[in-house]
Amino acid sequence: MLSNLPTVIVGAGPVGLAAAAHLNGYNQSFLVLEKGTKAGSNILEWGHVQLFSPWEFNIDQAAKKLLKETQWEEPAADKLPTGKELVNEYLKPLSNLPQIKDNIIYNAEIIDITKKNIDKMKSDARDQTPFVLYVKVNGAIEKLEAKAVIDASGTWNNPNPPFADGIWRSEGLQKNLYTHIPDIATETETFKDKHVAVIGSGHSALNTLINLSELKAKFPNTRISWFVRKQQIKEAFGGEENDELAARGELGSKAHEIIDNGKVNVHSSFYVEDIAEQNGSFIIHSSDGVSISNVDEIIVNTGSRPNFTFLKELRLDVDPIVESTTELAPLIDPNLHSCGTVRPHGEKELRQPDTGFYMTGLKSYGRAPTFLMVTGYEQVRSIVAYLSGDIEEATKVKLRLPETGVCQVNPNPNQLQIIGVSSGESGCGGSNCGC
């Protein structure tokens, strides 16, 4: 029977472990499958980056309740953690709780998810049929059954390409580019006195530009080129001093300052058509014939996208543009909103055609670049309540989002329309870092 099977959570990041904490609170059986060797493995890859939301917005309430029963020391609510601190001071102790630890399998990579003895085409008794997960655990394929699946795997390992048409040209090229935020301070020899190109206009790119400008102050021969598709570069700086998250506003203000001071060569309205290697350096070509040569290193901060390859046998509700669920898409579509006017949402908005399957956290936003960790916590709180039969709790709204201060909605290049909205931000692997 389905009721005797666990709910399987894909990913032991902040949202996945929050789902585990909520399931524990309802005395529901669960299993967490983590591809990495420890909780928060993806976050540790950007552990040097400071989040721009304080601890207040980074700790799930059900998880906090469990941790409070131990000797755990809660971080100061107004402190801004780094990715490494998020793991060491929150995710690590949470994952080591007996209620959670005994239900996590590490080195577990999801290969496929389907229905038991039913392929995508079959409808009879589909809702009463368990999910089957094909999982590679330490190199061997295992089959696990589940009554429900919460996919909190994020998008970290699936970066967007630098090319304007959204297609990676070749795997060989991708291996020669930096697709995350490099730790410039510890990789000085790689970037100093080089011509470094940054492609992208989100928070990741701003962080990278700031770090490179600090390197340039020590090594003046370092050249920085910034490639963005935006016509108005100031759109990338966000709310600045009007942002309710002070660190997020400061990020935009710092980037604005280094651009105004001429520390970065800005190439706006630049649609990357091709990147060619020549004599040990790169040439970046735009679609309108402009070429920038003698580039030594390229950092691609163009966001990421969800991976659906292991979900091909499930029936999915995926918006054709945003790749979120269709109910969320109009609220987070960057063609309509630069910051995302997202109302609190939960189980109902994330429900998939295959009953009991949900995509949560950063993955639930598809390709949209706006997300707050606390949004993911609200998602799994609602989903777990619904799966546990607590329908009343599932329909409640328990979320307060900090405002960006100002956002540009359908901006006219000559006259920007400014409004205040609730917003998230682009995430580093499903969290709200300064990316």
Protein backbone atom coordinates (compact mmCIF):
# COMPACT_ATOMS: atom_id res chain seq x y z
CA MET A 1 0.00 0.00 0.00
CA LEU A 2 1.08 3.58 -0.69
CA SER A 3 0.65 4.58 2.94
CA ASN A 4 3.43 2.19 3.96
CA LEU A 5 5.94 3.79 1.61
CA PRO A 6 8.13 6.82 2.39
CA THR A 7 8.08 10.22 0.77
CA VAL A 8 11.37 10.61 -1.07
CA ILE A 9 13.12 13.98 -1.09
CA VAL A 10 15.66 14.65 -3.83
CA GLY A 11 18.45 16.86 -2.50
CA ALA A 12 19.83 17.59 0.99
CA GLY A 13 20.09 21.34 0.57
CA PRO A 14 18.16 23.91 2.63
CA VAL A 15 14.76 23.22 1.06
CA GLY A 16 15.18 19.44 0.96
CA LEU A 17 16.15 19.27 4.63
CA ALA A 18 13.29 21.64 5.50
CA ALA A 19 10.91 19.19 3.84
CA ALA A 20 12.45 16.42 5.95
CA ALA A 21 11.93 18.43 9.14
CA HIS A 22 8.28 19.06 8.30
CA LEU A 23 7.67 15.40 7.46
CA ASN A 24 9.24 14.45 10.77
CA GLY A 25 6.86 16.87 12.48
CA TYR A 26 3.89 14.97 11.01
CA ASN A 27 5.45 11.58 11.91
CA GLN A 28 5.65 10.72 8.22
CA SER A 29 8.28 8.32 6.90
CA PHE A 30 10.75 9.89 4.49
CA LEU A 31 14.03 9.32 2.71
CA VAL A 32 16.45 12.01 1.50
CA LEU A 33 18.64 11.22 -1.52
CA GLU A 34 21.69 13.45 -1.90
CA LYS A 35 24.05 13.22 -4.86
CA GLY A 36 26.92 14.75 -2.90
CA THR A 37 28.89 13.43 0.02
CA LYS A 38 27.27 15.68 2.61
CA ALA A 39 24.35 18.03 3.17
CA GLY A 40 24.72 21.28 1.25
CA SER A 41 27.40 19.89 -1.10
CA ASN A 42 26.46 22.32 -3.88
CA ILE A 43 26.49 25.28 -1.50
CA LEU A 44 30.05 24.52 -0.48
CA GLU A 45 31.07 25.17 -4.09
CA TRP A 46 30.19 28.82 -3.50
CA GLY A 47 31.03 28.76 0.20
CA HIS A 48 33.13 31.93 -0.09
CA VAL A 49 30.11 34.00 -1.18
CA GLN A 50 28.16 35.98 1.37
CA LEU A 51 24.39 35.73 1.29
CA PHE A 52 22.57 39.04 1.14
CA SER A 53 19.68 37.87 3.30
CA PRO A 54 20.36 37.50 7.05
CA TRP A 55 19.87 34.35 9.10
CA GLU A 56 16.33 35.50 9.83
CA PHE A 57 15.32 34.45 6.31
CA ASN A 58 17.55 31.37 6.02
CA ILE A 59 16.30 29.03 8.74
CA ASP A 60 13.15 26.96 8.33
CA GLN A 61 10.84 27.01 11.36
CA ALA A 62 10.30 23.24 11.59
CA ALA A 63 14.05 22.69 11.33
CA LYS A 64 14.64 25.37 13.96
CA LYS A 65 12.23 23.63 16.34
CA LEU A 66 14.20 20.38 16.04
CA LEU A 67 17.55 22.09 16.48
CA LYS A 68 16.32 24.00 19.55
CA GLU A 69 15.85 20.64 21.29
CA THR A 70 19.63 20.14 21.14
CA GLN A 71 22.67 22.20 22.17
CA TRP A 72 22.56 24.04 18.84
CA GLU A 73 23.42 27.72 19.10
CA GLU A 74 21.20 29.78 16.83
CA PRO A 75 23.08 32.39 14.76
CA ALA A 76 22.24 36.06 15.23
CA ALA A 77 19.11 36.84 13.19
CA ASP A 78 20.62 39.93 11.54
CA LYS A 79 23.97 38.39 10.59
CA LEU A 80 24.79 37.68 6.95
CA PRO A 81 26.27 34.19 6.57
CA THR A 82 28.52 32.92 3.83
CA GLY A 83 27.61 29.75 2.00
CA LYS A 84 30.12 27.84 4.11
CA GLU A 85 28.61 29.21 7.32
CA LEU A 86 25.13 28.29 6.12
CA VAL A 87 26.30 24.69 5.81
CA ASN A 88 28.43 24.48 8.94
CA GLU A 89 26.14 26.39 11.31
CA TYR A 90 22.76 25.16 10.06
CA LEU A 91 22.64 22.38 7.47
CA LYS A 92 25.35 20.22 9.04
CA PRO A 93 23.83 20.15 12.55
CA LEU A 94 20.36 19.69 11.04
CA SER A 95 21.47 16.76 8.89
CA ASN A 96 23.19 15.18 11.90
CA LEU A 97 20.04 15.06 14.01
CA PRO A 98 19.06 11.40 14.54
CA GLN A 99 15.58 12.07 13.12
CA ILE A 100 17.15 13.29 9.87
CA LYS A 101 20.53 11.53 9.66
CA ASP A 102 19.07 8.02 9.71
CA ASN A 103 16.97 8.87 6.66
CA ILE A 104 19.63 10.35 4.34
CA ILE A 105 21.51 8.43 1.66
CA TYR A 106 24.57 10.21 0.28
CA ASN A 107 26.31 9.56 -3.04
CA ALA A 108 22.84 8.86 -4.41
CA GLU A 109 22.25 10.13 -7.96
CA ILE A 110 18.75 9.99 -9.42
CA ILE A 111 18.80 8.32 -12.84
CA ASP A 112 15.04 8.08 -13.53
CA ILE A 113 11.69 8.43 -11.79
CA THR A 114 8.63 6.60 -13.07
CA LYS A 115 5.51 4.77 -11.87
CA LYS A 116 5.60 1.10 -10.89
CA ASN A 117 4.81 -1.04 -13.92
CA ILE A 118 3.26 2.01 -15.64
CA ASP A 119 4.85 4.19 -18.27
CA LYS A 120 3.91 7.77 -19.09
CA MET A 121 1.09 6.70 -21.44
CA LYS A 122 -0.90 4.58 -18.97
CA SER A 123 -3.65 6.23 -16.94
CA ASP A 124 -5.45 3.36 -15.16
CA ALA A 125 -4.94 3.46 -11.38
CA ARG A 126 -2.06 5.87 -11.87
CA ASP A 127 -2.76 7.85 -8.70
CA GLN A 128 -2.81 4.66 -6.62
CA THR A 129 0.50 3.41 -8.04
CA PRO A 130 3.78 4.09 -6.22
CA PHE A 131 6.67 6.01 -7.73
CA VAL A 132 9.79 4.07 -8.58
CA LEU A 133 13.16 5.82 -8.42
CA TYR A 134 16.21 4.42 -10.16
CA VAL A 135 19.11 5.60 -8.04
CA LYS A 136 22.84 5.15 -8.51
CA VAL A 137 24.26 4.65 -5.02
CA ASN A 138 28.03 4.35 -4.85
CA GLY A 139 28.08 3.21 -8.47
CA ALA A 140 25.32 0.58 -8.26
CA ILE A 141 21.74 1.08 -9.52
CA GLU A 142 19.00 0.55 -6.93
CA LYS A 143 15.21 0.78 -7.22
CA LEU A 144 13.28 2.56 -4.50
CA GLU A 145 9.51 2.93 -4.16
CA ALA A 146 7.80 6.04 -2.80
CA LYS A 147 4.28 7.29 -2.17
CA ALA A 148 5.36 10.86 -3.02
CA VAL A 149 8.43 12.64 -4.36
CA ILE A 150 9.63 16.15 -3.50
CA ASP A 151 12.27 17.24 -6.02
CA ALA A 152 14.47 19.84 -4.31
CA SER A 153 17.52 19.15 -6.48
CA GLY A 154 17.98 22.78 -7.52
CA THR A 155 19.63 23.95 -10.74
CA TRP A 156 23.28 24.38 -9.69
CA ASN A 157 24.71 21.69 -11.94
CA ASN A 158 22.92 22.91 -15.06
CA PRO A 159 24.30 26.40 -15.89
CA ASN A 160 22.99 28.50 -18.74
CA PRO A 161 25.38 29.07 -21.65
CA PRO A 162 26.92 32.46 -22.51
CA PHE A 163 25.30 32.46 -25.94
CA ALA A 164 22.25 34.61 -26.56
CA ASP A 165 20.32 31.77 -28.19
CA GLY A 166 20.60 29.58 -25.08
CA ILE A 167 22.51 26.68 -26.64
CA TRP A 168 25.86 25.32 -25.48
CA ARG A 169 28.10 25.05 -28.56
CA SER A 170 30.29 22.23 -27.29
CA GLU A 171 31.20 20.47 -24.07
CA GLY A 172 34.85 21.23 -24.72
CA LEU A 173 34.21 24.97 -24.57
CA GLN A 174 32.15 24.68 -21.40
CA LYS A 175 35.05 23.01 -19.61
CA ASN A 176 37.27 26.01 -20.38
CA LEU A 177 34.87 28.57 -18.91
CA TYR A 178 33.98 29.43 -15.33
CA THR A 179 30.24 28.93 -14.95
CA HIS A 180 30.01 29.87 -11.25
CA ILE A 181 31.43 32.59 -9.00
CA PRO A 182 35.15 31.84 -8.72
CA ASP A 183 36.91 32.57 -5.45
CA ILE A 184 39.06 35.37 -6.84
CA ALA A 185 40.86 35.90 -3.53
CA THR A 186 42.26 32.36 -3.51
CA GLU A 187 42.66 32.07 -7.28
CA THR A 188 44.70 35.23 -7.69
CA GLU A 189 47.29 33.63 -9.97
CA THR A 190 44.56 32.62 -12.43
CA PHE A 191 43.13 36.10 -12.92
CA LYS A 192 45.75 38.72 -12.01
CA ASP A 193 47.09 40.85 -14.88
CA LYS A 194 44.74 39.01 -17.26
CA HIS A 195 41.91 40.21 -19.48
CA VAL A 196 38.86 38.72 -17.77
CA ALA A 197 35.41 38.73 -19.37
CA VAL A 198 32.22 38.49 -17.29
CA ILE A 199 29.04 37.54 -19.13
CA GLY A 200 25.68 38.08 -17.39
CA SER A 201 23.82 40.79 -15.48
CA GLY A 202 22.44 39.12 -12.36
CA HIS A 203 23.68 39.10 -8.79
CA SER A 204 26.34 36.49 -9.57
CA ALA A 205 27.85 38.77 -12.20
CA LEU A 206 27.80 41.76 -9.83
CA ASN A 207 29.61 39.74 -7.18
CA THR A 208 32.22 38.65 -9.70
CA LEU A 209 32.77 42.20 -10.95
CA ILE A 210 33.25 43.51 -7.42
CA ASN A 211 35.75 40.75 -6.61
CA LEU A 212 37.65 41.39 -9.83
CA SER A 213 37.78 45.13 -9.16
CA GLU A 214 39.41 44.39 -5.80
CA LEU A 215 41.95 42.24 -7.62
CA LYS A 216 42.55 45.05 -10.11
CA ALA A 217 43.33 47.43 -7.24
CA LYS A 218 46.27 45.16 -6.33
CA PHE A 219 47.23 44.26 -9.89
CA PRO A 220 46.45 47.30 -12.11
CA ASN A 221 47.22 45.44 -15.35
CA THR A 222 44.12 43.31 -14.82
CA ARG A 223 41.47 44.17 -17.42
CA ILE A 224 37.77 43.56 -16.82
CA SER A 225 35.16 43.44 -19.58
CA TRP A 226 31.46 43.06 -18.83
CA PHE A 227 29.10 41.72 -21.49
CA VAL A 228 25.37 42.28 -21.01
CA ARG A 229 22.33 42.15 -23.25
CA LYS A 230 20.64 45.01 -21.40
CA GLN A 231 20.52 48.39 -23.16
CA GLN A 232 20.31 50.31 -19.89
CA ILE A 233 23.08 49.00 -17.66
CA LYS A 234 21.58 50.61 -14.56
CA GLU A 235 18.79 48.03 -14.69
CA ALA A 236 21.30 45.50 -13.34
CA PHE A 237 21.86 47.44 -10.11
CA GLY A 238 18.38 46.80 -8.65
CA GLY A 239 16.92 48.80 -5.77
CA GLU A 240 20.28 49.85 -4.27
CA GLU A 241 19.60 52.00 -1.17
CA ASN A 242 15.85 51.31 -1.41
CA ASP A 243 16.24 47.55 -1.03
CA GLU A 244 14.86 46.12 2.21
CA LEU A 245 17.70 43.60 2.16
CA ALA A 246 20.55 46.05 2.80
CA ALA A 247 23.30 43.71 1.57
CA ARG A 248 21.48 43.10 -1.70
CA GLY A 249 21.10 46.83 -2.23
CA GLU A 250 24.74 47.37 -1.35
CA LEU A 251 25.76 44.80 -3.94
CA GLY A 252 24.07 46.85 -6.65
CA SER A 253 25.51 50.09 -5.31
CA LYS A 254 29.07 48.75 -5.25
CA ALA A 255 28.76 47.46 -8.80
CA HIS A 256 27.30 50.82 -9.87
CA GLU A 257 30.28 52.60 -8.32
CA ILE A 258 32.97 50.54 -10.04
CA ILE A 259 31.24 51.01 -13.38
CA ASP A 260 31.01 54.78 -12.84
CA ASN A 261 34.70 54.84 -11.88
CA GLY A 262 35.70 53.23 -15.15
CA LYS A 263 37.18 50.09 -13.61
CA VAL A 264 35.19 47.90 -16.00
CA ASN A 265 34.79 48.07 -19.76
CA VAL A 266 31.05 47.68 -20.33
CA HIS A 267 29.69 46.15 -23.53
CA SER A 268 25.92 46.65 -23.35
CA SER A 269 23.40 45.39 -25.91
CA PHE A 270 25.95 42.65 -26.59
CA TYR A 271 24.43 39.38 -27.75
CA VAL A 272 27.13 36.72 -27.67
CA GLU A 273 27.06 34.80 -30.94
CA ASP A 274 30.27 32.80 -30.69
CA ILE A 275 33.39 32.30 -28.59
CA ALA A 276 36.51 31.16 -30.43
CA GLU A 277 39.86 30.07 -29.04
CA GLN A 278 42.92 31.50 -30.75
CA ASN A 279 46.56 31.29 -29.73
CA GLY A 280 45.76 30.59 -26.10
CA SER A 281 43.12 33.31 -25.69
CA PHE A 282 39.47 33.86 -26.61
CA ILE A 283 37.62 36.05 -29.09
CA ILE A 284 34.02 36.90 -28.18
CA HIS A 285 31.79 37.67 -31.16
CA SER A 286 28.43 39.45 -31.00
CA SER A 287 25.51 38.81 -33.33
CA ASP A 288 25.92 42.28 -34.89
CA GLY A 289 29.55 41.75 -35.87
CA VAL A 290 31.42 43.24 -32.90
CA SER A 291 34.38 41.18 -31.69
CA ILE A 292 36.43 41.51 -28.50
CA SER A 293 39.76 39.70 -28.70
CA ASN A 294 42.65 38.75 -26.43
CA VAL A 295 40.40 37.59 -23.59
CA ASP A 296 42.30 35.33 -21.21
CA GLU A 297 39.53 34.07 -18.92
CA ILE A 298 35.73 33.99 -19.28
CA ILE A 299 33.33 33.87 -16.34
CA VAL A 300 29.77 32.97 -17.35
CA ASN A 301 27.25 34.22 -14.78
CA THR A 302 24.07 33.79 -16.82
CA GLY A 303 22.06 31.75 -14.35
CA SER A 304 20.96 28.15 -14.57
CA ARG A 305 18.02 26.02 -15.63
CA PRO A 306 16.22 22.94 -14.28
CA ASN A 307 17.19 19.44 -15.33
CA PHE A 308 14.20 17.36 -16.44
CA THR A 309 16.12 14.42 -17.92
CA PHE A 310 15.35 12.05 -15.03
CA LEU A 311 11.66 13.05 -15.06
CA LYS A 312 10.85 12.09 -18.65
CA GLU A 313 8.49 9.25 -17.62
CA LEU A 314 6.43 11.49 -15.35
CA ARG A 315 3.55 13.69 -16.40
CA LEU A 316 4.68 17.26 -15.80
CA ASP A 317 2.99 20.63 -15.85
CA VAL A 318 5.80 22.82 -17.20
CA ASP A 319 5.30 26.28 -18.63
CA PRO A 320 6.83 26.44 -22.14
CA ILE A 321 8.63 29.71 -21.41
CA VAL A 322 9.63 29.86 -17.76
CA GLU A 323 9.71 26.08 -17.10
CA SER A 324 7.95 26.48 -13.77
CA THR A 325 4.40 25.25 -13.23
CA THR A 326 1.91 27.15 -15.35
CA GLU A 327 0.30 28.80 -12.31
CA LEU A 328 3.60 30.32 -11.18
CA ALA A 329 4.88 31.32 -14.60
CA PRO A 330 2.97 34.60 -15.10
CA LEU A 331 4.15 35.80 -11.70
CA ILE A 332 7.87 35.19 -12.23
CA ASP A 333 8.31 35.55 -16.01
CA PRO A 334 11.27 37.97 -16.45
CA ASN A 335 9.65 39.19 -19.68
CA LEU A 336 7.00 40.73 -17.44
CA HIS A 337 8.85 41.33 -14.16
CA SER A 338 12.48 42.18 -13.56
CA CYS A 339 12.21 41.37 -9.86
CA GLY A 340 9.26 39.04 -9.61
CA THR A 341 5.94 40.04 -8.02
CA VAL A 342 5.39 36.61 -6.54
CA ARG A 343 2.57 36.10 -4.09
CA PRO A 344 3.06 33.44 -1.40
CA HIS A 345 2.31 30.06 -2.88
CA GLY A 346 2.32 26.43 -1.90
CA GLU A 347 0.99 22.98 -2.70
CA LYS A 348 -1.83 24.07 -4.98
CA GLU A 349 0.39 26.14 -7.29
CA LEU A 350 3.11 23.47 -7.37
CA ARG A 351 0.86 20.46 -7.90
CA GLN A 352 1.82 18.22 -10.83
CA PRO A 353 -0.40 15.94 -12.97
CA ASP A 354 1.20 12.89 -11.33
CA THR A 355 -0.32 13.13 -7.87
CA GLY A 356 2.30 13.30 -5.15
CA PHE A 357 5.12 14.70 -7.25
CA TYR A 358 6.39 18.25 -6.64
CA MET A 359 9.31 20.38 -7.76
CA THR A 360 10.29 22.80 -5.01
CA GLY A 361 12.93 25.36 -4.19
CA LEU A 362 14.95 26.95 -6.94
CA LYS A 363 13.92 24.24 -9.42
CA SER A 364 10.27 25.20 -8.99
CA TYR A 365 11.06 28.61 -10.52
CA GLY A 366 12.34 27.05 -13.76
CA ARG A 367 14.53 29.56 -15.56
CA ALA A 368 13.22 32.59 -13.68
CA PRO A 369 16.05 34.41 -11.85
CA THR A 370 14.09 35.46 -8.76
CA PHE A 371 14.01 33.26 -5.68
CA LEU A 372 14.33 33.50 -1.91
CA MET A 373 15.20 30.54 0.28
CA VAL A 374 12.32 31.36 2.59
CA THR A 375 9.97 30.94 -0.39
CA GLY A 376 11.15 27.35 -0.68
CA TYR A 377 10.51 26.80 3.02
CA GLU A 378 6.94 28.00 2.62
CA GLN A 379 6.51 25.70 -0.38
CA VAL A 380 7.52 22.54 1.48
CA ARG A 381 5.59 23.51 4.61
CA SER A 382 2.41 23.62 2.53
CA ILE A 383 3.24 20.49 0.50
CA VAL A 384 4.06 18.37 3.53
CA ALA A 385 0.88 19.49 5.30
CA TYR A 386 -1.14 18.44 2.25
CA LEU A 387 0.62 15.07 1.93
CA SER A 388 -0.02 14.50 5.64
CA GLY A 389 -3.74 15.17 5.29
CA ASP A 390 -3.66 18.57 7.02
CA ILE A 391 -5.51 20.42 4.27
CA GLU A 392 -6.32 23.45 6.41
CA GLU A 393 -2.65 24.04 7.20
CA ALA A 394 -1.68 23.47 3.57
CA THR A 395 -3.86 26.38 2.44
CA LYS A 396 -2.53 28.88 4.98
CA VAL A 397 -0.07 31.62 4.05
CA LYS A 398 2.91 31.98 6.37
CA LEU A 399 5.42 34.07 4.49
CA ARG A 400 6.80 37.60 4.55
CA LEU A 401 9.12 38.58 1.72
CA PRO A 402 11.49 41.54 1.96
CA GLU A 403 10.98 44.18 -0.69
CA THR A 404 13.54 45.15 -3.28
CA GLY A 405 12.55 48.77 -2.93
CA VAL A 406 12.22 49.35 -6.66
CA CYS A 407 11.84 47.14 -9.67
CA GLN A 408 11.60 47.90 -13.34
CA VAL A 409 8.57 46.42 -15.05
CA ASN A 410 8.46 46.47 -18.86
CA PRO A 411 10.98 49.33 -18.90
CA ASN A 412 11.12 51.80 -21.76
CA PRO A 413 14.82 52.39 -22.53
CA ASN A 414 14.24 56.12 -22.34
CA GLN A 415 11.93 56.29 -19.35
CA LEU A 416 11.91 53.54 -16.73
CA GLN A 417 8.70 52.75 -14.90
CA ILE A 418 9.50 52.12 -11.25
CA ILE A 419 7.26 50.31 -8.76
CA GLY A 420 7.76 48.62 -5.40
CA VAL A 421 7.20 44.86 -5.21
CA SER A 422 7.94 41.82 -3.12
CA SER A 423 10.85 39.95 -4.55
CA GLY A 424 13.23 37.08 -4.38
CA GLU A 425 16.61 36.80 -6.01
CA SER A 426 18.60 34.50 -8.17
CA GLY A 427 20.04 31.64 -6.22
CA CYS A 428 23.30 29.83 -5.85
CA GLY A 429 22.05 26.30 -5.91
CA GLY A 430 18.73 27.06 -4.35
CA SER A 431 19.69 29.69 -1.86
CA ASN A 432 19.67 33.44 -1.71
CA CYS A 433 23.33 34.29 -1.99
CA GLY A 434 24.65 37.42 -3.56
CA CYS A 435 24.34 35.95 -6.99
